[in-house]
Amino acid sequence: MVHDFLNTGLTYDYFTESTKRKSPHTEKKDQQAIFTANFKNPDFFLYDLEYAQSRNSSDVETSGRFDMLGLKRTGEKWALILVELKSTASACGGPSGIADHRDDHIRYLRHSVMNTRIEDAYEIVKINNLLFDAKFENIVIDPAQSDYLFILAGGAAAWYDANKTTLGIDASRIKRIADTGKKEALLLP
């Protein structure tokens, strides 16, 4: 890719192609707004954006790619949450759409690699507490409560409404954001 990027003779322009899309970077902008709005949320701690687990071999059942990873307070304990954000209707169907991500999330949650993700979360909480004066103390993560969450913004919510009966996703796993410009609307449950 570096060779392609520096080769000015190619017809693909990495700088301008993304701006030709109808809504360039909509999801990235929404993701940043959600992450920032929840920075001080005492009940939902987002700690990783664009998480991608490396694969050690082609035999690895689960590759693990999530828009965000977070911890959600569930009473006395916390749950690790795999978060997927959709900001446009066109991002909801087909490959890498809501149904594919739902299936990937379920498979990943059942995989033993979740133990490693939980260990990672404990380490990140420790670092966060050092940097930000013990924001989260004595966190206990309950692996049995780990779950996934879809955040739907923009046209994604309307697409979901039209297709929700075929998707079979419990409403508790859906967070709608009507206006990404309003900080209070971005707070996660």
N, C-alpha and C. Protein backbone atom coordinates (compact mmCIF):
# COMPACT_ATOMS: atom_id res chain seq x y z
N MET A 1 0.81 -1.19 0.00
CA MET A 1 0.00 0.00 0.00
C MET A 1 0.87 1.26 0.00
N VAL A 2 1.98 1.25 0.72
CA VAL A 2 2.85 2.42 0.75
C VAL A 2 3.32 2.74 -0.66
N HIS A 3 3.70 1.70 -1.39
CA HIS A 3 4.13 1.92 -2.77
C HIS A 3 2.99 2.56 -3.58
N ASP A 4 1.77 2.01 -3.44
CA ASP A 4 0.62 2.56 -4.15
C ASP A 4 0.35 4.00 -3.74
N PHE A 5 0.47 4.26 -2.45
CA PHE A 5 0.17 5.57 -1.90
C PHE A 5 1.10 6.64 -2.48
N LEU A 6 2.35 6.29 -2.63
CA LEU A 6 3.33 7.26 -3.12
C LEU A 6 3.41 7.33 -4.64
N ASN A 7 2.77 6.40 -5.32
CA ASN A 7 2.83 6.37 -6.76
C ASN A 7 1.77 7.31 -7.34
N THR A 8 2.18 8.46 -7.80
CA THR A 8 1.24 9.45 -8.31
C THR A 8 0.66 9.08 -9.67
N GLY A 9 1.18 8.06 -10.30
CA GLY A 9 0.68 7.64 -11.60
C GLY A 9 -0.57 6.78 -11.51
N LEU A 10 -0.96 6.36 -10.33
CA LEU A 10 -2.15 5.52 -10.18
C LEU A 10 -3.42 6.34 -10.31
N THR A 11 -4.51 5.70 -10.69
CA THR A 11 -5.77 6.42 -10.85
C THR A 11 -6.53 6.55 -9.53
N TYR A 12 -6.20 5.78 -8.52
CA TYR A 12 -6.90 5.87 -7.23
C TYR A 12 -6.19 6.89 -6.35
N ASP A 13 -6.91 7.85 -5.87
CA ASP A 13 -6.36 8.90 -5.04
C ASP A 13 -6.84 8.70 -3.60
N TYR A 14 -5.96 8.28 -2.71
CA TYR A 14 -6.31 8.00 -1.33
C TYR A 14 -6.79 9.24 -0.59
N PHE A 15 -6.38 10.42 -1.03
CA PHE A 15 -6.76 11.64 -0.34
C PHE A 15 -8.18 12.08 -0.67
N THR A 16 -8.62 11.88 -1.90
CA THR A 16 -9.92 12.42 -2.30
C THR A 16 -11.01 11.39 -2.47
N GLU A 17 -10.69 10.10 -2.63
CA GLU A 17 -11.73 9.10 -2.86
C GLU A 17 -12.73 9.03 -1.71
N SER A 18 -12.27 9.12 -0.46
CA SER A 18 -13.19 9.01 0.66
C SER A 18 -14.13 10.21 0.74
N THR A 19 -13.72 11.36 0.22
CA THR A 19 -14.59 12.54 0.27
C THR A 19 -15.65 12.52 -0.82
N LYS A 20 -15.53 11.61 -1.77
CA LYS A 20 -16.54 11.49 -2.83
C LYS A 20 -17.78 10.74 -2.36
N ARG A 21 -17.66 10.03 -1.24
CA ARG A 21 -18.80 9.31 -0.72
C ARG A 21 -19.85 10.30 -0.23
N LYS A 22 -21.09 9.84 -0.14
CA LYS A 22 -22.19 10.71 0.25
C LYS A 22 -21.98 11.29 1.65
N SER A 23 -21.52 10.49 2.59
CA SER A 23 -21.31 10.98 3.95
C SER A 23 -19.97 10.46 4.46
N PRO A 24 -18.87 11.09 4.05
CA PRO A 24 -17.55 10.60 4.42
C PRO A 24 -17.30 10.64 5.92
N HIS A 25 -16.82 9.55 6.42
CA HIS A 25 -16.38 9.46 7.82
C HIS A 25 -17.49 9.68 8.84
N THR A 26 -18.75 9.50 8.46
CA THR A 26 -19.86 9.72 9.39
C THR A 26 -19.70 8.85 10.63
N GLU A 27 -19.42 7.57 10.43
CA GLU A 27 -19.31 6.66 11.57
C GLU A 27 -18.14 7.05 12.48
N LYS A 28 -17.03 7.42 11.89
CA LYS A 28 -15.85 7.81 12.70
C LYS A 28 -16.16 9.05 13.54
N LYS A 29 -16.85 10.00 12.96
CA LYS A 29 -17.21 11.21 13.71
C LYS A 29 -18.16 10.86 14.85
N ASP A 30 -19.15 10.01 14.58
CA ASP A 30 -20.09 9.59 15.62
C ASP A 30 -19.36 8.82 16.71
N GLN A 31 -18.45 7.95 16.31
CA GLN A 31 -17.68 7.16 17.28
C GLN A 31 -16.89 8.07 18.22
N GLN A 32 -16.23 9.07 17.68
CA GLN A 32 -15.46 10.00 18.50
C GLN A 32 -16.37 10.77 19.46
N ALA A 33 -17.53 11.18 18.97
CA ALA A 33 -18.47 11.92 19.81
C ALA A 33 -18.98 11.05 20.96
N ILE A 34 -19.29 9.79 20.68
CA ILE A 34 -19.77 8.87 21.71
C ILE A 34 -18.67 8.60 22.74
N PHE A 35 -17.47 8.35 22.26
CA PHE A 35 -16.34 8.07 23.16
C PHE A 35 -16.10 9.27 24.09
N THR A 36 -16.08 10.46 23.52
CA THR A 36 -15.82 11.67 24.30
C THR A 36 -16.94 11.92 25.32
N ALA A 37 -18.19 11.77 24.90
CA ALA A 37 -19.33 12.02 25.78
C ALA A 37 -19.35 11.06 26.97
N ASN A 38 -18.82 9.86 26.79
CA ASN A 38 -18.86 8.86 27.86
C ASN A 38 -17.59 8.80 28.69
N PHE A 39 -16.67 9.71 28.45
CA PHE A 39 -15.40 9.67 29.17
C PHE A 39 -15.58 9.72 30.69
N LYS A 40 -16.54 10.48 31.16
CA LYS A 40 -16.77 10.59 32.60
C LYS A 40 -18.01 9.83 33.06
N ASN A 41 -18.54 8.98 32.22
CA ASN A 41 -19.71 8.19 32.57
C ASN A 41 -19.33 7.16 33.64
N PRO A 42 -19.92 7.25 34.85
CA PRO A 42 -19.53 6.33 35.92
C PRO A 42 -20.06 4.90 35.74
N ASP A 43 -20.96 4.70 34.78
CA ASP A 43 -21.59 3.40 34.60
C ASP A 43 -21.21 2.69 33.30
N PHE A 44 -20.46 3.38 32.43
CA PHE A 44 -20.06 2.78 31.17
C PHE A 44 -18.70 3.35 30.79
N PHE A 45 -17.69 2.50 30.77
CA PHE A 45 -16.32 2.92 30.51
C PHE A 45 -15.88 2.38 29.16
N LEU A 46 -15.83 3.25 28.15
CA LEU A 46 -15.30 2.86 26.84
C LEU A 46 -13.79 3.00 26.89
N TYR A 47 -13.08 1.96 26.48
CA TYR A 47 -11.63 2.02 26.60
C TYR A 47 -10.86 1.65 25.34
N ASP A 48 -11.53 1.25 24.28
CA ASP A 48 -10.80 0.92 23.07
C ASP A 48 -11.67 1.23 21.86
N LEU A 49 -11.08 1.91 20.89
CA LEU A 49 -11.75 2.21 19.62
C LEU A 49 -11.09 1.39 18.52
N GLU A 50 -11.91 0.86 17.63
CA GLU A 50 -11.41 0.09 16.48
C GLU A 50 -10.51 -1.06 16.93
N TYR A 51 -10.99 -1.82 17.88
CA TYR A 51 -10.22 -2.96 18.38
C TYR A 51 -10.13 -4.03 17.29
N ALA A 52 -8.95 -4.57 17.12
CA ALA A 52 -8.74 -5.66 16.17
C ALA A 52 -7.75 -6.65 16.78
N GLN A 53 -8.23 -7.83 17.08
CA GLN A 53 -7.37 -8.88 17.63
C GLN A 53 -6.55 -9.49 16.52
N SER A 54 -5.26 -9.61 16.76
CA SER A 54 -4.41 -10.22 15.73
C SER A 54 -4.68 -11.71 15.67
N ARG A 55 -4.52 -12.26 14.49
CA ARG A 55 -4.72 -13.70 14.30
C ARG A 55 -3.36 -14.36 14.23
N ASN A 56 -3.18 -15.40 15.03
CA ASN A 56 -1.91 -16.12 15.04
C ASN A 56 -1.85 -17.20 13.97
N SER A 57 -3.01 -17.62 13.49
CA SER A 57 -3.04 -18.63 12.43
C SER A 57 -4.39 -18.57 11.74
N SER A 58 -4.50 -19.24 10.63
CA SER A 58 -5.78 -19.27 9.92
C SER A 58 -6.79 -20.16 10.63
N ASP A 59 -6.34 -20.92 11.64
CA ASP A 59 -7.24 -21.80 12.38
C ASP A 59 -8.01 -21.07 13.48
N VAL A 60 -7.65 -19.82 13.76
CA VAL A 60 -8.33 -19.08 14.82
C VAL A 60 -9.78 -18.86 14.41
N GLU A 61 -10.69 -19.34 15.25
CA GLU A 61 -12.11 -19.27 14.93
C GLU A 61 -12.63 -17.84 14.94
N THR A 62 -12.09 -17.03 15.81
CA THR A 62 -12.63 -15.69 16.00
C THR A 62 -11.53 -14.66 15.83
N SER A 63 -11.75 -13.70 14.97
CA SER A 63 -10.72 -12.69 14.76
C SER A 63 -10.91 -11.48 15.66
N GLY A 64 -12.10 -11.15 16.05
CA GLY A 64 -12.34 -10.07 16.99
C GLY A 64 -12.06 -8.69 16.44
N ARG A 65 -13.03 -8.09 15.79
CA ARG A 65 -12.93 -6.71 15.31
C ARG A 65 -14.18 -5.98 15.78
N PHE A 66 -13.98 -4.97 16.63
CA PHE A 66 -15.11 -4.26 17.21
C PHE A 66 -14.88 -2.76 17.12
N ASP A 67 -15.96 -2.02 16.94
CA ASP A 67 -15.83 -0.56 16.88
C ASP A 67 -15.35 0.00 18.22
N MET A 68 -15.85 -0.58 19.31
CA MET A 68 -15.45 -0.13 20.64
C MET A 68 -15.54 -1.30 21.62
N LEU A 69 -14.71 -1.24 22.64
CA LEU A 69 -14.81 -2.16 23.76
C LEU A 69 -15.10 -1.31 24.99
N GLY A 70 -15.93 -1.85 25.87
CA GLY A 70 -16.26 -1.09 27.07
C GLY A 70 -16.63 -1.98 28.23
N LEU A 71 -16.74 -1.35 29.37
CA LEU A 71 -17.22 -2.02 30.58
C LEU A 71 -18.50 -1.32 31.03
N LYS A 72 -19.50 -2.11 31.36
CA LYS A 72 -20.79 -1.58 31.79
C LYS A 72 -21.08 -2.06 33.21
N ARG A 73 -21.47 -1.12 34.07
CA ARG A 73 -21.83 -1.47 35.45
C ARG A 73 -23.14 -2.25 35.42
N THR A 74 -23.14 -3.39 36.10
CA THR A 74 -24.34 -4.23 36.20
C THR A 74 -24.58 -4.54 37.68
N GLY A 75 -24.91 -3.53 38.44
CA GLY A 75 -25.06 -3.69 39.88
C GLY A 75 -23.70 -3.57 40.55
N GLU A 76 -23.32 -4.60 41.31
CA GLU A 76 -22.03 -4.60 42.01
C GLU A 76 -20.86 -4.96 41.09
N LYS A 77 -21.16 -5.62 39.98
CA LYS A 77 -20.11 -6.07 39.07
C LYS A 77 -20.18 -5.31 37.75
N TRP A 78 -19.25 -5.64 36.86
CA TRP A 78 -19.17 -5.02 35.55
C TRP A 78 -19.19 -6.10 34.48
N ALA A 79 -19.64 -5.73 33.30
CA ALA A 79 -19.66 -6.64 32.15
C ALA A 79 -18.82 -6.05 31.03
N LEU A 80 -18.07 -6.89 30.35
CA LEU A 80 -17.34 -6.45 29.17
C LEU A 80 -18.33 -6.41 28.01
N ILE A 81 -18.35 -5.28 27.30
CA ILE A 81 -19.32 -5.08 26.22
C ILE A 81 -18.59 -4.86 24.90
N LEU A 82 -18.99 -5.62 23.89
CA LEU A 82 -18.50 -5.46 22.52
C LEU A 82 -19.46 -4.51 21.82
N VAL A 83 -18.97 -3.40 21.34
CA VAL A 83 -19.85 -2.36 20.78
C VAL A 83 -19.66 -2.24 19.27
N GLU A 84 -20.76 -2.21 18.57
CA GLU A 84 -20.76 -1.99 17.12
C GLU A 84 -21.61 -0.76 16.83
N LEU A 85 -21.06 0.17 16.09
CA LEU A 85 -21.76 1.41 15.74
C LEU A 85 -22.13 1.38 14.26
N LYS A 86 -23.36 1.74 13.97
CA LYS A 86 -23.81 1.91 12.59
C LYS A 86 -24.42 3.30 12.48
N SER A 87 -23.95 4.08 11.50
CA SER A 87 -24.42 5.45 11.36
C SER A 87 -25.22 5.70 10.09
N THR A 88 -25.19 4.77 9.16
CA THR A 88 -25.94 4.94 7.90
C THR A 88 -26.70 3.66 7.60
N ALA A 89 -27.79 3.81 6.87
CA ALA A 89 -28.58 2.64 6.48
C ALA A 89 -27.76 1.70 5.60
N SER A 90 -26.91 2.24 4.76
CA SER A 90 -26.12 1.41 3.85
C SER A 90 -25.11 0.52 4.59
N ALA A 91 -24.78 0.87 5.81
CA ALA A 91 -23.83 0.07 6.59
C ALA A 91 -24.51 -1.08 7.33
N CYS A 92 -25.83 -1.14 7.29
CA CYS A 92 -26.56 -2.10 8.12
C CYS A 92 -26.78 -3.47 7.49
N GLY A 93 -26.93 -3.55 6.18
CA GLY A 93 -27.21 -4.82 5.53
C GLY A 93 -25.98 -5.41 4.89
N GLY A 94 -26.10 -6.63 4.43
CA GLY A 94 -25.02 -7.28 3.69
C GLY A 94 -23.81 -7.61 4.53
N PRO A 95 -22.67 -7.86 3.86
CA PRO A 95 -21.44 -8.19 4.59
C PRO A 95 -21.05 -7.04 5.53
N SER A 96 -20.63 -7.40 6.71
CA SER A 96 -20.27 -6.43 7.76
C SER A 96 -21.48 -5.62 8.23
N GLY A 97 -22.66 -6.11 7.96
CA GLY A 97 -23.88 -5.46 8.43
C GLY A 97 -24.23 -5.93 9.82
N ILE A 98 -25.40 -5.54 10.27
CA ILE A 98 -25.84 -5.86 11.63
C ILE A 98 -25.92 -7.36 11.86
N ALA A 99 -26.50 -8.11 10.94
CA ALA A 99 -26.66 -9.56 11.13
C ALA A 99 -25.29 -10.25 11.24
N ASP A 100 -24.36 -9.90 10.37
CA ASP A 100 -23.02 -10.50 10.43
C ASP A 100 -22.34 -10.17 11.75
N HIS A 101 -22.44 -8.92 12.17
CA HIS A 101 -21.81 -8.52 13.44
C HIS A 101 -22.46 -9.21 14.63
N ARG A 102 -23.79 -9.35 14.59
CA ARG A 102 -24.48 -10.06 15.67
C ARG A 102 -23.92 -11.48 15.80
N ASP A 103 -23.80 -12.17 14.68
CA ASP A 103 -23.29 -13.54 14.69
C ASP A 103 -21.84 -13.59 15.18
N ASP A 104 -21.03 -12.66 14.71
CA ASP A 104 -19.63 -12.60 15.14
C ASP A 104 -19.52 -12.32 16.64
N HIS A 105 -20.35 -11.42 17.14
CA HIS A 105 -20.32 -11.08 18.57
C HIS A 105 -20.71 -12.29 19.42
N ILE A 106 -21.74 -12.98 19.02
CA ILE A 106 -22.19 -14.16 19.78
C ILE A 106 -21.08 -15.21 19.80
N ARG A 107 -20.47 -15.47 18.66
CA ARG A 107 -19.39 -16.46 18.56
C ARG A 107 -18.21 -16.03 19.44
N TYR A 108 -17.85 -14.77 19.38
CA TYR A 108 -16.72 -14.27 20.16
C TYR A 108 -16.98 -14.36 21.66
N LEU A 109 -18.19 -14.01 22.07
CA LEU A 109 -18.54 -14.06 23.50
C LEU A 109 -18.45 -15.47 24.06
N ARG A 110 -18.66 -16.47 23.23
CA ARG A 110 -18.61 -17.87 23.67
C ARG A 110 -17.20 -18.46 23.61
N HIS A 111 -16.28 -17.73 23.00
CA HIS A 111 -14.93 -18.22 22.79
C HIS A 111 -14.06 -17.97 24.02
N SER A 112 -13.09 -18.85 24.27
CA SER A 112 -12.21 -18.72 25.44
C SER A 112 -11.35 -17.46 25.39
N VAL A 113 -11.21 -16.85 24.21
CA VAL A 113 -10.41 -15.63 24.10
C VAL A 113 -11.01 -14.48 24.92
N MET A 114 -12.28 -14.60 25.30
CA MET A 114 -12.90 -13.56 26.14
C MET A 114 -12.16 -13.43 27.47
N ASN A 115 -11.58 -14.52 27.96
CA ASN A 115 -10.80 -14.44 29.20
C ASN A 115 -9.63 -13.47 29.04
N THR A 116 -8.99 -13.50 27.88
CA THR A 116 -7.89 -12.58 27.61
C THR A 116 -8.40 -11.15 27.51
N ARG A 117 -9.55 -10.95 26.87
CA ARG A 117 -10.11 -9.60 26.78
C ARG A 117 -10.43 -9.05 28.17
N ILE A 118 -10.90 -9.90 29.06
CA ILE A 118 -11.21 -9.47 30.43
C ILE A 118 -9.92 -9.12 31.17
N GLU A 119 -8.88 -9.93 31.01
CA GLU A 119 -7.58 -9.61 31.61
C GLU A 119 -7.07 -8.27 31.08
N ASP A 120 -7.21 -8.05 29.78
CA ASP A 120 -6.82 -6.77 29.17
C ASP A 120 -7.59 -5.62 29.81
N ALA A 121 -8.88 -5.81 30.00
CA ALA A 121 -9.72 -4.75 30.58
C ALA A 121 -9.25 -4.38 31.99
N TYR A 122 -8.89 -5.39 32.80
CA TYR A 122 -8.38 -5.11 34.15
C TYR A 122 -7.11 -4.25 34.07
N GLU A 123 -6.22 -4.59 33.14
CA GLU A 123 -4.98 -3.82 32.99
C GLU A 123 -5.26 -2.38 32.55
N ILE A 124 -6.19 -2.23 31.65
CA ILE A 124 -6.53 -0.89 31.17
C ILE A 124 -7.17 -0.06 32.28
N VAL A 125 -8.00 -0.68 33.10
CA VAL A 125 -8.60 0.02 34.23
C VAL A 125 -7.51 0.48 35.20
N LYS A 126 -6.53 -0.39 35.46
CA LYS A 126 -5.42 0.00 36.34
C LYS A 126 -4.69 1.23 35.81
N ILE A 127 -4.38 1.21 34.53
CA ILE A 127 -3.69 2.34 33.91
C ILE A 127 -4.56 3.60 33.96
N ASN A 128 -5.83 3.44 33.65
CA ASN A 128 -6.77 4.57 33.70
C ASN A 128 -6.80 5.18 35.10
N ASN A 129 -6.82 4.33 36.11
CA ASN A 129 -6.87 4.82 37.49
C ASN A 129 -5.61 5.58 37.86
N LEU A 130 -4.46 5.14 37.35
CA LEU A 130 -3.22 5.87 37.60
C LEU A 130 -3.22 7.24 36.92
N LEU A 131 -3.71 7.26 35.69
CA LEU A 131 -3.70 8.50 34.93
C LEU A 131 -4.76 9.50 35.37
N PHE A 132 -5.90 8.98 35.81
CA PHE A 132 -7.03 9.86 36.11
C PHE A 132 -7.52 9.73 37.55
N ASP A 133 -6.60 9.48 38.47
CA ASP A 133 -6.90 9.51 39.89
C ASP A 133 -8.04 8.57 40.30
N ALA A 134 -7.87 7.29 40.05
CA ALA A 134 -8.78 6.22 40.49
C ALA A 134 -10.23 6.47 40.11
N LYS A 135 -10.46 6.58 38.83
CA LYS A 135 -11.83 6.76 38.33
C LYS A 135 -12.71 5.54 38.64
N PHE A 136 -12.13 4.36 38.52
CA PHE A 136 -12.87 3.11 38.77
C PHE A 136 -12.08 2.27 39.76
N GLU A 137 -12.63 2.07 40.94
CA GLU A 137 -11.93 1.29 41.96
C GLU A 137 -12.64 -0.04 42.19
N ASN A 138 -11.85 -1.06 42.49
CA ASN A 138 -12.36 -2.38 42.87
C ASN A 138 -13.36 -2.96 41.86
N ILE A 139 -13.05 -2.82 40.60
CA ILE A 139 -13.92 -3.36 39.56
C ILE A 139 -13.79 -4.88 39.53
N VAL A 140 -14.94 -5.54 39.49
CA VAL A 140 -14.99 -6.98 39.30
C VAL A 140 -15.79 -7.23 38.03
N ILE A 141 -15.17 -7.86 37.04
CA ILE A 141 -15.82 -8.14 35.77
C ILE A 141 -16.39 -9.54 35.81
N ASP A 142 -17.68 -9.65 35.57
CA ASP A 142 -18.36 -10.94 35.56
C ASP A 142 -18.42 -11.46 34.12
N PRO A 143 -17.64 -12.49 33.79
CA PRO A 143 -17.63 -13.01 32.41
C PRO A 143 -19.01 -13.44 31.92
N ALA A 144 -19.85 -13.92 32.83
CA ALA A 144 -21.17 -14.40 32.44
C ALA A 144 -22.08 -13.27 31.97
N GLN A 145 -21.75 -12.03 32.34
CA GLN A 145 -22.58 -10.90 31.94
C GLN A 145 -22.04 -10.18 30.70
N SER A 146 -20.91 -10.63 30.17
CA SER A 146 -20.36 -10.00 28.97
C SER A 146 -21.40 -10.08 27.86
N ASP A 147 -21.46 -9.03 27.04
CA ASP A 147 -22.53 -8.94 26.06
C ASP A 147 -22.09 -8.05 24.89
N TYR A 148 -23.01 -7.79 23.99
CA TYR A 148 -22.75 -6.89 22.87
C TYR A 148 -23.82 -5.82 22.83
N LEU A 149 -23.48 -4.70 22.19
CA LEU A 149 -24.39 -3.57 22.07
C LEU A 149 -24.24 -2.96 20.69
N PHE A 150 -25.37 -2.70 20.04
CA PHE A 150 -25.38 -1.98 18.78
C PHE A 150 -25.81 -0.55 19.06
N ILE A 151 -25.03 0.40 18.58
CA ILE A 151 -25.41 1.81 18.65
C ILE A 151 -25.82 2.23 17.25
N LEU A 152 -27.02 2.74 17.14
CA LEU A 152 -27.57 3.11 15.83
C LEU A 152 -27.79 4.62 15.78
N ALA A 153 -27.13 5.27 14.85
CA ALA A 153 -27.27 6.71 14.67
C ALA A 153 -27.69 6.98 13.23
N GLY A 154 -28.18 8.16 12.98
CA GLY A 154 -28.54 8.54 11.62
C GLY A 154 -29.52 7.58 10.98
N GLY A 155 -29.27 7.23 9.72
CA GLY A 155 -30.16 6.36 8.97
C GLY A 155 -30.16 4.91 9.42
N ALA A 156 -29.23 4.53 10.27
CA ALA A 156 -29.16 3.14 10.74
C ALA A 156 -30.37 2.77 11.59
N ALA A 157 -30.89 3.70 12.37
CA ALA A 157 -32.04 3.42 13.23
C ALA A 157 -33.28 3.09 12.39
N ALA A 158 -33.51 3.85 11.33
CA ALA A 158 -34.66 3.59 10.46
C ALA A 158 -34.50 2.25 9.75
N TRP A 159 -33.28 1.92 9.32
CA TRP A 159 -33.05 0.63 8.69
C TRP A 159 -33.36 -0.50 9.67
N TYR A 160 -32.91 -0.35 10.91
CA TYR A 160 -33.16 -1.36 11.93
C TYR A 160 -34.66 -1.53 12.16
N ASP A 161 -35.40 -0.43 12.27
CA ASP A 161 -36.85 -0.51 12.48
C ASP A 161 -37.54 -1.31 11.39
N ALA A 162 -37.09 -1.14 10.17
CA ALA A 162 -37.70 -1.85 9.04
C ALA A 162 -37.30 -3.32 8.99
N ASN A 163 -36.22 -3.70 9.68
CA ASN A 163 -35.70 -5.06 9.59
C ASN A 163 -35.59 -5.79 10.92
N LYS A 164 -36.04 -5.19 12.01
CA LYS A 164 -35.77 -5.76 13.34
C LYS A 164 -36.40 -7.13 13.57
N THR A 165 -37.54 -7.41 12.98
CA THR A 165 -38.15 -8.72 13.22
C THR A 165 -37.32 -9.85 12.63
N THR A 166 -36.65 -9.63 11.52
CA THR A 166 -35.82 -10.68 10.92
C THR A 166 -34.45 -10.78 11.60
N LEU A 167 -34.01 -9.71 12.29
CA LEU A 167 -32.69 -9.74 12.93
C LEU A 167 -32.71 -10.49 14.26
N GLY A 168 -33.81 -10.40 14.99
CA GLY A 168 -33.93 -11.10 16.26
C GLY A 168 -32.95 -10.63 17.32
N ILE A 169 -32.72 -9.33 17.39
CA ILE A 169 -31.83 -8.77 18.42
C ILE A 169 -32.69 -8.15 19.51
N ASP A 170 -32.45 -8.56 20.74
CA ASP A 170 -33.19 -8.02 21.89
C ASP A 170 -33.02 -6.51 21.97
N ALA A 171 -34.10 -5.81 22.28
CA ALA A 171 -34.08 -4.34 22.34
C ALA A 171 -33.07 -3.81 23.35
N SER A 172 -32.74 -4.59 24.37
CA SER A 172 -31.77 -4.14 25.37
C SER A 172 -30.36 -4.05 24.78
N ARG A 173 -30.15 -4.64 23.63
CA ARG A 173 -28.85 -4.60 22.97
C ARG A 173 -28.78 -3.51 21.89
N ILE A 174 -29.77 -2.62 21.88
CA ILE A 174 -29.83 -1.54 20.90
C ILE A 174 -29.85 -0.21 21.63
N LYS A 175 -28.99 0.69 21.22
CA LYS A 175 -29.00 2.07 21.73
C LYS A 175 -29.15 2.98 20.53
N ARG A 176 -30.23 3.74 20.52
CA ARG A 176 -30.48 4.68 19.42
C ARG A 176 -29.96 6.06 19.81
N ILE A 177 -29.35 6.72 18.86
CA ILE A 177 -28.90 8.09 19.08
C ILE A 177 -29.52 8.94 17.98
N ALA A 178 -30.50 9.75 18.39
CA ALA A 178 -31.22 10.57 17.42
C ALA A 178 -30.39 11.75 16.95
N ASP A 179 -29.63 12.35 17.85
CA ASP A 179 -28.87 13.55 17.50
C ASP A 179 -27.47 13.44 18.08
N THR A 180 -26.49 13.16 17.23
CA THR A 180 -25.12 13.01 17.73
C THR A 180 -24.51 14.34 18.14
N GLY A 181 -25.21 15.43 17.92
CA GLY A 181 -24.73 16.74 18.35
C GLY A 181 -25.09 17.06 19.80
N LYS A 182 -25.93 16.24 20.41
CA LYS A 182 -26.34 16.47 21.80
C LYS A 182 -25.63 15.48 22.72
N LYS A 183 -24.77 16.00 23.57
CA LYS A 183 -23.95 15.15 24.43
C LYS A 183 -24.80 14.20 25.28
N GLU A 184 -25.90 14.70 25.85
CA GLU A 184 -26.71 13.84 26.71
C GLU A 184 -27.32 12.66 25.94
N ALA A 185 -27.53 12.82 24.66
CA ALA A 185 -28.06 11.74 23.83
C ALA A 185 -27.02 10.65 23.59
N LEU A 186 -25.75 10.98 23.77
CA LEU A 186 -24.66 10.05 23.48
C LEU A 186 -24.30 9.16 24.66
N LEU A 187 -24.81 9.46 25.84
CA LEU A 187 -24.46 8.67 27.02
C LEU A 187 -25.00 7.25 26.89
N LEU A 188 -24.15 6.29 27.21
CA LEU A 188 -24.53 4.89 27.08
C LEU A 188 -25.19 4.42 28.35
N PRO A 189 -26.08 3.42 28.23
CA PRO A 189 -26.84 2.92 29.40
C PRO A 189 -25.97 2.21 30.41
